[in-house]
PDB file of N, CA and C in Angstrom:
ATOM      1  N   MET A   1     -43.076 -94.370 113.464  1.00  0.00           N
ATOM      2  CA  MET A   1     -41.853 -95.110 113.624  1.00  0.00           C
ATOM      3  C   MET A   1     -42.118 -96.621 113.604  1.00  0.00           C
ATOM      4  N   TYR A   2     -43.215 -97.047 114.234  1.00  0.00           N
ATOM      5  CA  TYR A   2     -43.525 -98.478 114.247  1.00  0.00           C
ATOM      6  C   TYR A   2     -43.766 -99.011 112.833  1.00  0.00           C
ATOM      7  N   GLU A   3     -44.387 -98.220 111.995  1.00  0.00           N
ATOM      8  CA  GLU A   3     -44.594 -98.631 110.604  1.00  0.00           C
ATOM      9  C   GLU A   3     -43.253 -98.797 109.904  1.00  0.00           C
ATOM     10  N   PHE A   4     -42.366 -97.864 110.140  1.00  0.00           N
ATOM     11  CA  PHE A   4     -41.035 -97.936 109.550  1.00  0.00           C
ATOM     12  C   PHE A   4     -40.303 -99.185 110.033  1.00  0.00           C
ATOM     13  N   LEU A   5     -40.335 -99.447 111.332  1.00  0.00           N
ATOM     14  CA  LEU A   5     -39.648-100.612 111.886  1.00  0.00           C
ATOM     15  C   LEU A   5     -40.234-101.926 111.374  1.00  0.00           C
ATOM     16  N   ALA A   6     -41.524-101.953 111.104  1.00  0.00           N
ATOM     17  CA  ALA A   6     -42.162-103.165 110.598  1.00  0.00           C
ATOM     18  C   ALA A   6     -41.642-103.541 109.208  1.00  0.00           C
ATOM     19  N   GLU A   7     -41.096-102.584 108.495  1.00  0.00           N
ATOM     20  CA  GLU A   7     -40.578-102.836 107.155  1.00  0.00           C
ATOM     21  C   GLU A   7     -39.147-103.366 107.144  1.00  0.00           C
ATOM     22  N   ILE A   8     -38.491-103.339 108.296  1.00  0.00           N
ATOM     23  CA  ILE A   8     -37.089-103.736 108.365  1.00  0.00           C
ATOM     24  C   ILE A   8     -36.959-105.252 108.435  1.00  0.00           C
ATOM     25  N   GLU A   9     -36.098-105.773 107.603  1.00  0.00           N
ATOM     26  CA  GLU A   9     -35.805-107.207 107.600  1.00  0.00           C
ATOM     27  C   GLU A   9     -34.691-107.471 108.611  1.00  0.00           C
ATOM     28  N   TYR A  10     -34.789-108.528 109.378  1.00  0.00           N
ATOM     29  CA  TYR A  10     -33.759-108.836 110.352  1.00  0.00           C
ATOM     30  C   TYR A  10     -33.558-110.345 110.474  1.00  0.00           C
ATOM     31  N   ILE A  11     -32.402-110.725 111.006  1.00  0.00           N
ATOM     32  CA  ILE A  11     -32.081-112.123 111.271  1.00  0.00           C
ATOM     33  C   ILE A  11     -31.528-112.220 112.687  1.00  0.00           C
ATOM     34  N   GLU A  12     -31.655-113.389 113.278  1.00  0.00           N
ATOM     35  CA  GLU A  12     -31.111-113.617 114.611  1.00  0.00           C
ATOM     36  C   GLU A  12     -29.636-113.986 114.476  1.00  0.00           C
ATOM     37  N   ILE A  13     -28.805-113.408 115.320  1.00  0.00           N
ATOM     38  CA  ILE A  13     -27.360-113.617 115.278  1.00  0.00           C
ATOM     39  C   ILE A  13     -26.926-114.417 116.505  1.00  0.00           C
ATOM     40  N   GLN A  14     -26.104-115.416 116.289  1.00  0.00           N
ATOM     41  CA  GLN A  14     -25.532-116.180 117.395  1.00  0.00           C
ATOM     42  C   GLN A  14     -24.109-115.701 117.626  1.00  0.00           C
ATOM     43  N   ASN A  15     -23.734-115.553 118.884  1.00  0.00           N
ATOM     44  CA  ASN A  15     -22.381-115.128 119.219  1.00  0.00           C
ATOM     45  C   ASN A  15     -21.370-116.161 118.710  1.00  0.00           C
ATOM     46  N   ASN A  16     -20.229-115.681 118.210  1.00  0.00           N
ATOM     47  CA  ASN A  16     -19.183-116.585 117.735  1.00  0.00           C
ATOM     48  C   ASN A  16     -17.826-115.916 117.917  1.00  0.00           C
ATOM     49  N   LYS A  17     -16.760-116.596 117.537  1.00  0.00           N
ATOM     50  CA  LYS A  17     -15.402-116.084 117.737  1.00  0.00           C
ATOM     51  C   LYS A  17     -15.159-114.784 116.975  1.00  0.00           C
ATOM     52  N   GLU A  18     -15.701-114.667 115.783  1.00  0.00           N
ATOM     53  CA  GLU A  18     -15.534-113.452 114.993  1.00  0.00           C
ATOM     54  C   GLU A  18     -16.132-112.242 115.719  1.00  0.00           C
ATOM     55  N   ILE A  19     -17.321-112.427 116.254  1.00  0.00           N
ATOM     56  CA  ILE A  19     -17.981-111.357 117.005  1.00  0.00           C
ATOM     57  C   ILE A  19     -17.192-111.032 118.269  1.00  0.00           C
ATOM     58  N   GLU A  20     -16.752-112.058 118.981  1.00  0.00           N
ATOM     59  CA  GLU A  20     -15.968-111.840 120.199  1.00  0.00           C
ATOM     60  C   GLU A  20     -14.668-111.101 119.894  1.00  0.00           C
ATOM     61  N   ASN A  21     -14.040-111.403 118.755  1.00  0.00           N
ATOM     62  CA  ASN A  21     -12.793-110.744 118.352  1.00  0.00           C
ATOM     63  C   ASN A  21     -13.020-109.243 118.122  1.00  0.00           C
ATOM     64  N   ILE A  22     -14.072-108.902 117.406  1.00  0.00           N
ATOM     65  CA  ILE A  22     -14.369-107.498 117.136  1.00  0.00           C
ATOM     66  C   ILE A  22     -14.720-106.772 118.439  1.00  0.00           C
ATOM     67  N   ALA A  23     -15.547-107.400 119.256  1.00  0.00           N
ATOM     68  CA  ALA A  23     -15.924-106.797 120.546  1.00  0.00           C
ATOM     69  C   ALA A  23     -14.681-106.557 121.400  1.00  0.00           C
ATOM     70  N   SER A  24     -13.755-107.487 121.388  1.00  0.00           N
ATOM     71  CA  SER A  24     -12.509-107.332 122.148  1.00  0.00           C
ATOM     72  C   SER A  24     -11.671-106.177 121.614  1.00  0.00           C
ATOM     73  N   HIS A  25     -11.620-106.017 120.300  1.00  0.00           N
ATOM     74  CA  HIS A  25     -10.906-104.878 119.709  1.00  0.00           C
ATOM     75  C   HIS A  25     -11.504-103.556 120.207  1.00  0.00           C
ATOM     76  N   ILE A  26     -12.821-103.496 120.233  1.00  0.00           N
ATOM     77  CA  ILE A  26     -13.500-102.279 120.675  1.00  0.00           C
ATOM     78  C   ILE A  26     -13.120-101.942 122.113  1.00  0.00           C
ATOM     79  N   ILE A  27     -13.016-102.965 122.947  1.00  0.00           N
ATOM     80  CA  ILE A  27     -12.626-102.769 124.350  1.00  0.00           C
ATOM     81  C   ILE A  27     -11.135-102.422 124.442  1.00  0.00           C
ATOM     82  N   GLN A  28     -10.291-103.187 123.753  1.00  0.00           N
ATOM     83  CA  GLN A  28      -8.839-102.980 123.830  1.00  0.00           C
ATOM     84  C   GLN A  28      -8.426-101.601 123.345  1.00  0.00           C
ATOM     85  N   LEU A  29      -9.118-101.076 122.354  1.00  0.00           N
ATOM     86  CA  LEU A  29      -8.795 -99.754 121.823  1.00  0.00           C
ATOM     87  C   LEU A  29      -9.373 -98.620 122.674  1.00  0.00           C
ATOM     88  N   GLY A  30     -10.109 -98.959 123.720  1.00  0.00           N
ATOM     89  CA  GLY A  30     -10.648 -97.957 124.624  1.00  0.00           C
ATOM     90  C   GLY A  30     -11.878 -97.233 124.090  1.00  0.00           C
ATOM     91  N   ILE A  31     -12.489 -97.793 123.071  1.00  0.00           N
ATOM     92  CA  ILE A  31     -13.705 -97.186 122.521  1.00  0.00           C
ATOM     93  C   ILE A  31     -14.835 -97.318 123.529  1.00  0.00           C
ATOM     94  N   LEU A  32     -14.946 -98.492 124.123  1.00  0.00           N
ATOM     95  CA  LEU A  32     -15.864 -98.736 125.232  1.00  0.00           C
ATOM     96  C   LEU A  32     -15.084 -99.422 126.352  1.00  0.00           C
ATOM     97  N   GLN A  33     -15.554 -99.289 127.563  1.00  0.00           N
ATOM     98  CA  GLN A  33     -14.919 -99.950 128.700  1.00  0.00           C
ATOM     99  C   GLN A  33     -15.359-101.408 128.768  1.00  0.00           C
ATOM    100  N   ALA A  34     -14.540-102.232 129.406  1.00  0.00           N
ATOM    101  CA  ALA A  34     -14.830-103.662 129.527  1.00  0.00           C
ATOM    102  C   ALA A  34     -16.182-103.922 130.180  1.00  0.00           C
ATOM    103  N   LYS A  35     -16.589-103.046 131.122  1.00  0.00           N
ATOM    104  CA  LYS A  35     -17.877-103.257 131.777  1.00  0.00           C
ATOM    105  C   LYS A  35     -19.053-103.055 130.819  1.00  0.00           C
ATOM    106  N   HIS A  36     -18.790-102.528 129.626  1.00  0.00           N
ATOM    107  CA  HIS A  36     -19.829-102.340 128.613  1.00  0.00           C
ATOM    108  C   HIS A  36     -19.640-103.326 127.446  1.00  0.00           C
ATOM    109  N   TYR A  37     -19.192-104.526 127.813  1.00  0.00           N
ATOM    110  CA  TYR A  37     -18.941-105.550 126.799  1.00  0.00           C
ATOM    111  C   TYR A  37     -20.200-105.850 125.980  1.00  0.00           C
ATOM    112  N   ASN A  38     -21.369-105.836 126.600  1.00  0.00           N
ATOM    113  CA  ASN A  38     -22.600-106.118 125.852  1.00  0.00           C
ATOM    114  C   ASN A  38     -22.810-105.107 124.727  1.00  0.00           C
ATOM    115  N   ASP A  39     -22.494-103.850 124.981  1.00  0.00           N
ATOM    116  CA  ASP A  39     -22.601-102.838 123.928  1.00  0.00           C
ATOM    117  C   ASP A  39     -21.591-103.103 122.810  1.00  0.00           C
ATOM    118  N   SER A  40     -20.362-103.475 123.182  1.00  0.00           N
ATOM    119  CA  SER A  40     -19.368-103.766 122.149  1.00  0.00           C
ATOM    120  C   SER A  40     -19.756-105.015 121.360  1.00  0.00           C
ATOM    121  N   SER A  41     -20.358-105.977 122.010  1.00  0.00           N
ATOM    122  CA  SER A  41     -20.827-107.179 121.327  1.00  0.00           C
ATOM    123  C   SER A  41     -21.977-106.856 120.373  1.00  0.00           C
ATOM    124  N   HIS A  42     -22.858-105.971 120.793  1.00  0.00           N
ATOM    125  CA  HIS A  42     -23.966-105.514 119.941  1.00  0.00           C
ATOM    126  C   HIS A  42     -23.406-104.878 118.671  1.00  0.00           C
ATOM    127  N   ILE A  43     -22.411-104.017 118.826  1.00  0.00           N
ATOM    128  CA  ILE A  43     -21.770-103.388 117.678  1.00  0.00           C
ATOM    129  C   ILE A  43     -21.125-104.448 116.787  1.00  0.00           C
ATOM    130  N   ALA A  44     -20.424-105.387 117.398  1.00  0.00           N
ATOM    131  CA  ALA A  44     -19.742-106.440 116.641  1.00  0.00           C
ATOM    132  C   ALA A  44     -20.728-107.301 115.846  1.00  0.00           C
ATOM    133  N   CYS A  45     -21.866-107.616 116.441  1.00  0.00           N
ATOM    134  CA  CYS A  45     -22.892-108.388 115.722  1.00  0.00           C
ATOM    135  C   CYS A  45     -23.364-107.633 114.483  1.00  0.00           C
ATOM    136  N   ALA A  46     -23.566-106.345 114.625  1.00  0.00           N
ATOM    137  CA  ALA A  46     -24.015-105.528 113.495  1.00  0.00           C
ATOM    138  C   ALA A  46     -22.945-105.453 112.411  1.00  0.00           C
ATOM    139  N   ILE A  47     -21.681-105.367 112.815  1.00  0.00           N
ATOM    140  CA  ILE A  47     -20.582-105.322 111.846  1.00  0.00           C
ATOM    141  C   ILE A  47     -20.505-106.629 111.065  1.00  0.00           C
ATOM    142  N   VAL A  48     -20.496-107.746 111.769  1.00  0.00           N
ATOM    143  CA  VAL A  48     -20.400-109.059 111.123  1.00  0.00           C
ATOM    144  C   VAL A  48     -21.598-109.306 110.207  1.00  0.00           C
ATOM    145  N   SER A  49     -22.751-108.811 110.592  1.00  0.00           N
ATOM    146  CA  SER A  49     -23.966-109.001 109.793  1.00  0.00           C
ATOM    147  C   SER A  49     -24.059-108.022 108.619  1.00  0.00           C
ATOM    148  N   GLU A  50     -23.064-107.148 108.507  1.00  0.00           N
ATOM    149  CA  GLU A  50     -23.008-106.152 107.436  1.00  0.00           C
ATOM    150  C   GLU A  50     -24.222-105.223 107.426  1.00  0.00           C
ATOM    151  N   CYS A  51     -24.651-104.851 108.624  1.00  0.00           N
ATOM    152  CA  CYS A  51     -25.745-103.880 108.739  1.00  0.00           C
ATOM    153  C   CYS A  51     -25.279-102.528 108.220  1.00  0.00           C
ATOM    154  N   ASP A  52     -26.211-101.756 107.723  1.00  0.00           N
ATOM    155  CA  ASP A  52     -25.906-100.400 107.291  1.00  0.00           C
ATOM    156  C   ASP A  52     -25.882 -99.444 108.477  1.00  0.00           C
ATOM    157  N   PHE A  53     -26.740 -99.715 109.473  1.00  0.00           N
ATOM    158  CA  PHE A  53     -26.900 -98.815 110.613  1.00  0.00           C
ATOM    159  C   PHE A  53     -27.043 -99.588 111.915  1.00  0.00           C
ATOM    160  N   ILE A  54     -26.602 -98.949 112.992  1.00  0.00           N
ATOM    161  CA  ILE A  54     -27.017 -99.299 114.339  1.00  0.00           C
ATOM    162  C   ILE A  54     -27.866 -98.111 114.772  1.00  0.00           C
ATOM    163  N   VAL A  55     -29.100 -98.364 115.126  1.00  0.00           N
ATOM    164  CA  VAL A  55     -30.016 -97.307 115.534  1.00  0.00           C
ATOM    165  C   VAL A  55     -30.241 -97.465 117.037  1.00  0.00           C
ATOM    166  N   SER A  56     -29.922 -96.415 117.774  1.00  0.00           N
ATOM    167  CA  SER A  56     -29.981 -96.529 119.232  1.00  0.00           C
ATOM    168  C   SER A  56     -30.281 -95.179 119.881  1.00  0.00           C
ATOM    169  N   TRP A  57     -30.877 -95.263 121.063  1.00  0.00           N
ATOM    170  CA  TRP A  57     -31.048 -94.096 121.909  1.00  0.00           C
ATOM    171  C   TRP A  57     -29.994 -94.083 123.010  1.00  0.00           C
ATOM    172  N   ASN A  58     -29.044 -94.990 122.923  1.00  0.00           N
ATOM    173  CA  ASN A  58     -27.986 -95.072 123.929  1.00  0.00           C
ATOM    174  C   ASN A  58     -26.895 -94.046 123.575  1.00  0.00           C
ATOM    175  N   PHE A  59     -27.137 -92.803 123.964  1.00  0.00           N
ATOM    176  CA  PHE A  59     -26.209 -91.728 123.642  1.00  0.00           C
ATOM    177  C   PHE A  59     -24.938 -91.799 124.480  1.00  0.00           C
ATOM    178  N   LYS A  60     -25.020 -92.433 125.622  1.00  0.00           N
ATOM    179  CA  LYS A  60     -23.850 -92.510 126.503  1.00  0.00           C
ATOM    180  C   LYS A  60     -22.772 -93.433 125.932  1.00  0.00           C
ATOM    181  N   HIS A  61     -23.167 -94.583 125.387  1.00  0.00           N
ATOM    182  CA  HIS A  61     -22.174 -95.561 124.933  1.00  0.00           C
ATOM    183  C   HIS A  61     -22.121 -95.760 123.424  1.00  0.00           C
ATOM    184  N   LEU A  62     -23.203 -95.554 122.711  1.00  0.00           N
ATOM    185  CA  LEU A  62     -23.210 -95.882 121.283  1.00  0.00           C
ATOM    186  C   LEU A  62     -23.262 -94.661 120.374  1.00  0.00           C
ATOM    187  N   VAL A  63     -24.266 -93.838 120.541  1.00  0.00           N
ATOM    188  CA  VAL A  63     -24.482 -92.715 119.620  1.00  0.00           C
ATOM    189  C   VAL A  63     -23.733 -91.490 120.161  1.00  0.00           C
ATOM    190  N   ASN A  64     -22.415 -91.530 120.047  1.00  0.00           N
ATOM    191  CA  ASN A  64     -21.584 -90.396 120.454  1.00  0.00           C
ATOM    192  C   ASN A  64     -20.338 -90.369 119.567  1.00  0.00           C
ATOM    193  N   PRO A  65     -19.714 -89.232 119.436  1.00  0.00           N
ATOM    194  CA  PRO A  65     -18.584 -89.105 118.499  1.00  0.00           C
ATOM    195  C   PRO A  65     -17.437 -90.087 118.752  1.00  0.00           C
ATOM    196  N   LYS A  66     -17.104 -90.344 120.018  1.00  0.00           N
ATOM    197  CA  LYS A  66     -15.994 -91.258 120.326  1.00  0.00           C
ATOM    198  C   LYS A  66     -16.278 -92.656 119.801  1.00  0.00           C
ATOM    199  N   THR A  67     -17.463 -93.170 120.062  1.00  0.00           N
ATOM    200  CA  THR A  67     -17.809 -94.516 119.615  1.00  0.00           C
ATOM    201  C   THR A  67     -17.944 -94.575 118.100  1.00  0.00           C
ATOM    202  N   VAL A  68     -18.606 -93.598 117.514  1.00  0.00           N
ATOM    203  CA  VAL A  68     -18.794 -93.585 116.058  1.00  0.00           C
ATOM    204  C   VAL A  68     -17.446 -93.573 115.352  1.00  0.00           C
ATOM    205  N   LYS A  69     -16.551 -92.700 115.781  1.00  0.00           N
ATOM    206  CA  LYS A  69     -15.220 -92.618 115.163  1.00  0.00           C
ATOM    207  C   LYS A  69     -14.421 -93.897 115.432  1.00  0.00           C
ATOM    208  N   GLY A  70     -14.482 -94.399 116.644  1.00  0.00           N
ATOM    209  CA  GLY A  70     -13.747 -95.608 116.997  1.00  0.00           C
ATOM    210  C   GLY A  70     -14.213 -96.828 116.221  1.00  0.00           C
ATOM    211  N   VAL A  71     -15.512 -96.972 116.075  1.00  0.00           N
ATOM    212  CA  VAL A  71     -16.045 -98.107 115.310  1.00  0.00           C
ATOM    213  C   VAL A  71     -15.639 -97.970 113.844  1.00  0.00           C
ATOM    214  N   GLY A  72     -15.634 -96.754 113.324  1.00  0.00           N
ATOM    215  CA  GLY A  72     -15.147 -96.533 111.955  1.00  0.00           C
ATOM    216  C   GLY A  72     -13.712 -96.997 111.796  1.00  0.00           C
ATOM    217  N   TYR A  73     -12.899 -96.729 112.801  1.00  0.00           N
ATOM    218  CA  TYR A  73     -11.504 -97.178 112.783  1.00  0.00           C
ATOM    219  C   TYR A  73     -11.418 -98.705 112.820  1.00  0.00           C
ATOM    220  N   VAL A  74     -12.196 -99.326 113.698  1.00  0.00           N
ATOM    221  CA  VAL A  74     -12.173-100.789 113.824  1.00  0.00           C
ATOM    222  C   VAL A  74     -12.569-101.464 112.510  1.00  0.00           C
ATOM    223  N   VAL A  75     -13.642-100.987 111.887  1.00  0.00           N
ATOM    224  CA  VAL A  75     -14.060-101.631 110.634  1.00  0.00           C
ATOM    225  C   VAL A  75     -13.023-101.430 109.538  1.00  0.00           C
ATOM    226  N   SER A  76     -12.319-100.314 109.574  1.00  0.00           N
ATOM    227  CA  SER A  76     -11.306-100.096 108.539  1.00  0.00           C
ATOM    228  C   SER A  76     -10.082-100.989 108.754  1.00  0.00           C
ATOM    229  N   ILE A  77      -9.604-101.113 109.998  1.00  0.00           N
ATOM    230  CA  ILE A  77      -8.413-101.943 110.220  1.00  0.00           C
ATOM    231  C   ILE A  77      -8.712-103.438 110.085  1.00  0.00           C
ATOM    232  N   LEU A  78      -9.945-103.831 110.392  1.00  0.00           N
ATOM    233  CA  LEU A  78     -10.307-105.253 110.270  1.00  0.00           C
ATOM    234  C   LEU A  78     -10.948-105.566 108.916  1.00  0.00           C
ATOM    235  N   ARG A  79     -11.077-104.538 108.079  1.00  0.00           N
ATOM    236  CA  ARG A  79     -11.569-104.677 106.705  1.00  0.00           C
ATOM    237  C   ARG A  79     -13.015-105.174 106.617  1.00  0.00           C
ATOM    238  N   TYR A  80     -13.859-104.536 107.390  1.00  0.00           N
ATOM    239  CA  TYR A  80     -15.295-104.794 107.322  1.00  0.00           C
ATOM    240  C   TYR A  80     -15.973-103.606 106.655  1.00  0.00           C
ATOM    241  N   LYS A  81     -17.206-103.824 106.266  1.00  0.00           N
ATOM    242  CA  LYS A  81     -18.026-102.766 105.676  1.00  0.00           C
ATOM    243  C   LYS A  81     -18.294-101.687 106.730  1.00  0.00           C
ATOM    244  N   ASN A  82     -18.294-100.428 106.309  1.00  0.00           N
ATOM    245  CA  ASN A  82     -18.580 -99.327 107.221  1.00  0.00           C
ATOM    246  C   ASN A  82     -20.015 -99.426 107.747  1.00  0.00           C
ATOM    247  N   ILE A  83     -20.201 -98.975 108.971  1.00  0.00           N
ATOM    248  CA  ILE A  83     -21.520 -98.981 109.594  1.00  0.00           C
ATOM    249  C   ILE A  83     -21.737 -97.628 110.265  1.00  0.00           C
ATOM    250  N   ASP A  84     -22.919 -97.086 110.131  1.00  0.00           N
ATOM    251  CA  ASP A  84     -23.258 -95.814 110.766  1.00  0.00           C
ATOM    252  C   ASP A  84     -24.012 -96.084 112.061  1.00  0.00           C
ATOM    253  N   ILE A  85     -23.683 -95.326 113.094  1.00  0.00           N
ATOM    254  CA  ILE A  85     -24.384 -95.410 114.374  1.00  0.00           C
ATOM    255  C   ILE A  85     -25.160 -94.112 114.530  1.00  0.00           C
ATOM    256  N   VAL A  86     -26.491 -94.227 114.586  1.00  0.00           N
ATOM    257  CA  VAL A  86     -27.338 -93.035 114.578  1.00  0.00           C
ATOM    258  C   VAL A  86     -28.488 -93.164 115.576  1.00  0.00           C
ATOM    259  N   ALA A  87     -29.045 -92.012 115.919  1.00  0.00           N
ATOM    260  CA  ALA A  87     -30.272 -91.965 116.718  1.00  0.00           C
ATOM    261  C   ALA A  87     -31.460 -92.235 115.801  1.00  0.00           C
ATOM    262  N   PRO A  88     -32.563 -92.751 116.335  1.00  0.00           N
ATOM    263  CA  PRO A  88     -33.743 -93.011 115.496  1.00  0.00           C
ATOM    264  C   PRO A  88     -34.203 -91.787 114.699  1.00  0.00           C
ATOM    265  N   SER A  89     -34.140 -90.623 115.304  1.00  0.00           N
ATOM    266  CA  SER A  89     -34.587 -89.419 114.600  1.00  0.00           C
ATOM    267  C   SER A  89     -33.750 -89.155 113.354  1.00  0.00           C
ATOM    268  N   THR A  90     -32.471 -89.470 113.400  1.00  0.00           N
ATOM    269  CA  THR A  90     -31.594 -89.281 112.235  1.00  0.00           C
ATOM    270  C   THR A  90     -32.020 -90.186 111.097  1.00  0.00           C
ATOM    271  N   LEU A  91     -32.310 -91.416 111.407  1.00  0.00           N
ATOM    272  CA  LEU A  91     -32.720 -92.364 110.367  1.00  0.00           C
ATOM    273  C   LEU A  91     -34.057 -91.968 109.776  1.00  0.00           C
ATOM    274  N   LEU A  92     -34.978 -91.533 110.611  1.00  0.00           N
ATOM    275  CA  LEU A  92     -36.292 -91.108 110.112  1.00  0.00           C
ATOM    276  C   LEU A  92     -36.184 -89.883 109.206  1.00  0.00           C
ATOM    277  N   CYS A  93     -35.293 -88.963 109.557  1.00  0.00           N
ATOM    278  CA  CYS A  93     -35.084 -87.760 108.730  1.00  0.00           C
ATOM    279  C   CYS A  93     -34.509 -88.118 107.370  1.00  0.00           C
ATOM    280  N   MET A  94     -33.725 -89.184 107.302  1.00  0.00           N
ATOM    281  CA  MET A  94     -33.130 -89.613 106.042  1.00  0.00           C
ATOM    282  C   MET A  94     -34.184 -90.104 105.071  1.00  0.00           C
ATOM    283  N   GLU A  95     -35.294 -90.591 105.591  1.00  0.00           N
ATOM    284  CA  GLU A  95     -36.361 -91.137 104.765  1.00  0.00           C
ATOM    285  C   GLU A  95     -37.209 -90.051 104.100  1.00  0.00           C
ATOM    286  N   GLU A  96     -37.168 -88.853 104.631  1.00  0.00           N
ATOM    287  CA  GLU A  96     -38.023 -87.769 104.104  1.00  0.00           C
ATOM    288  C   GLU A  96     -37.481 -87.195 102.833  1.00  0.00           C
TER     289      GLU A  96
END
């Protein structure tokens, strides 16, 4: 897995109004609770950056059907590129 991660290109993201707007939508729509704003902000950063995937072991807040479906809805209504939220094992299986 470390070899795979070493191949990934990444950039540092600074919080901005666009990210805050998306994160707020995620909270307002009840996809995540307000106390999990950091998770919604993480999702928003990935959306704005046009990432293909969010890879996480956070099954409670991120990698679950409610969040995956809700984020799909948010990107469609706000007209952003679709993003998949998956567990690391799912992404590794895709490479085989």
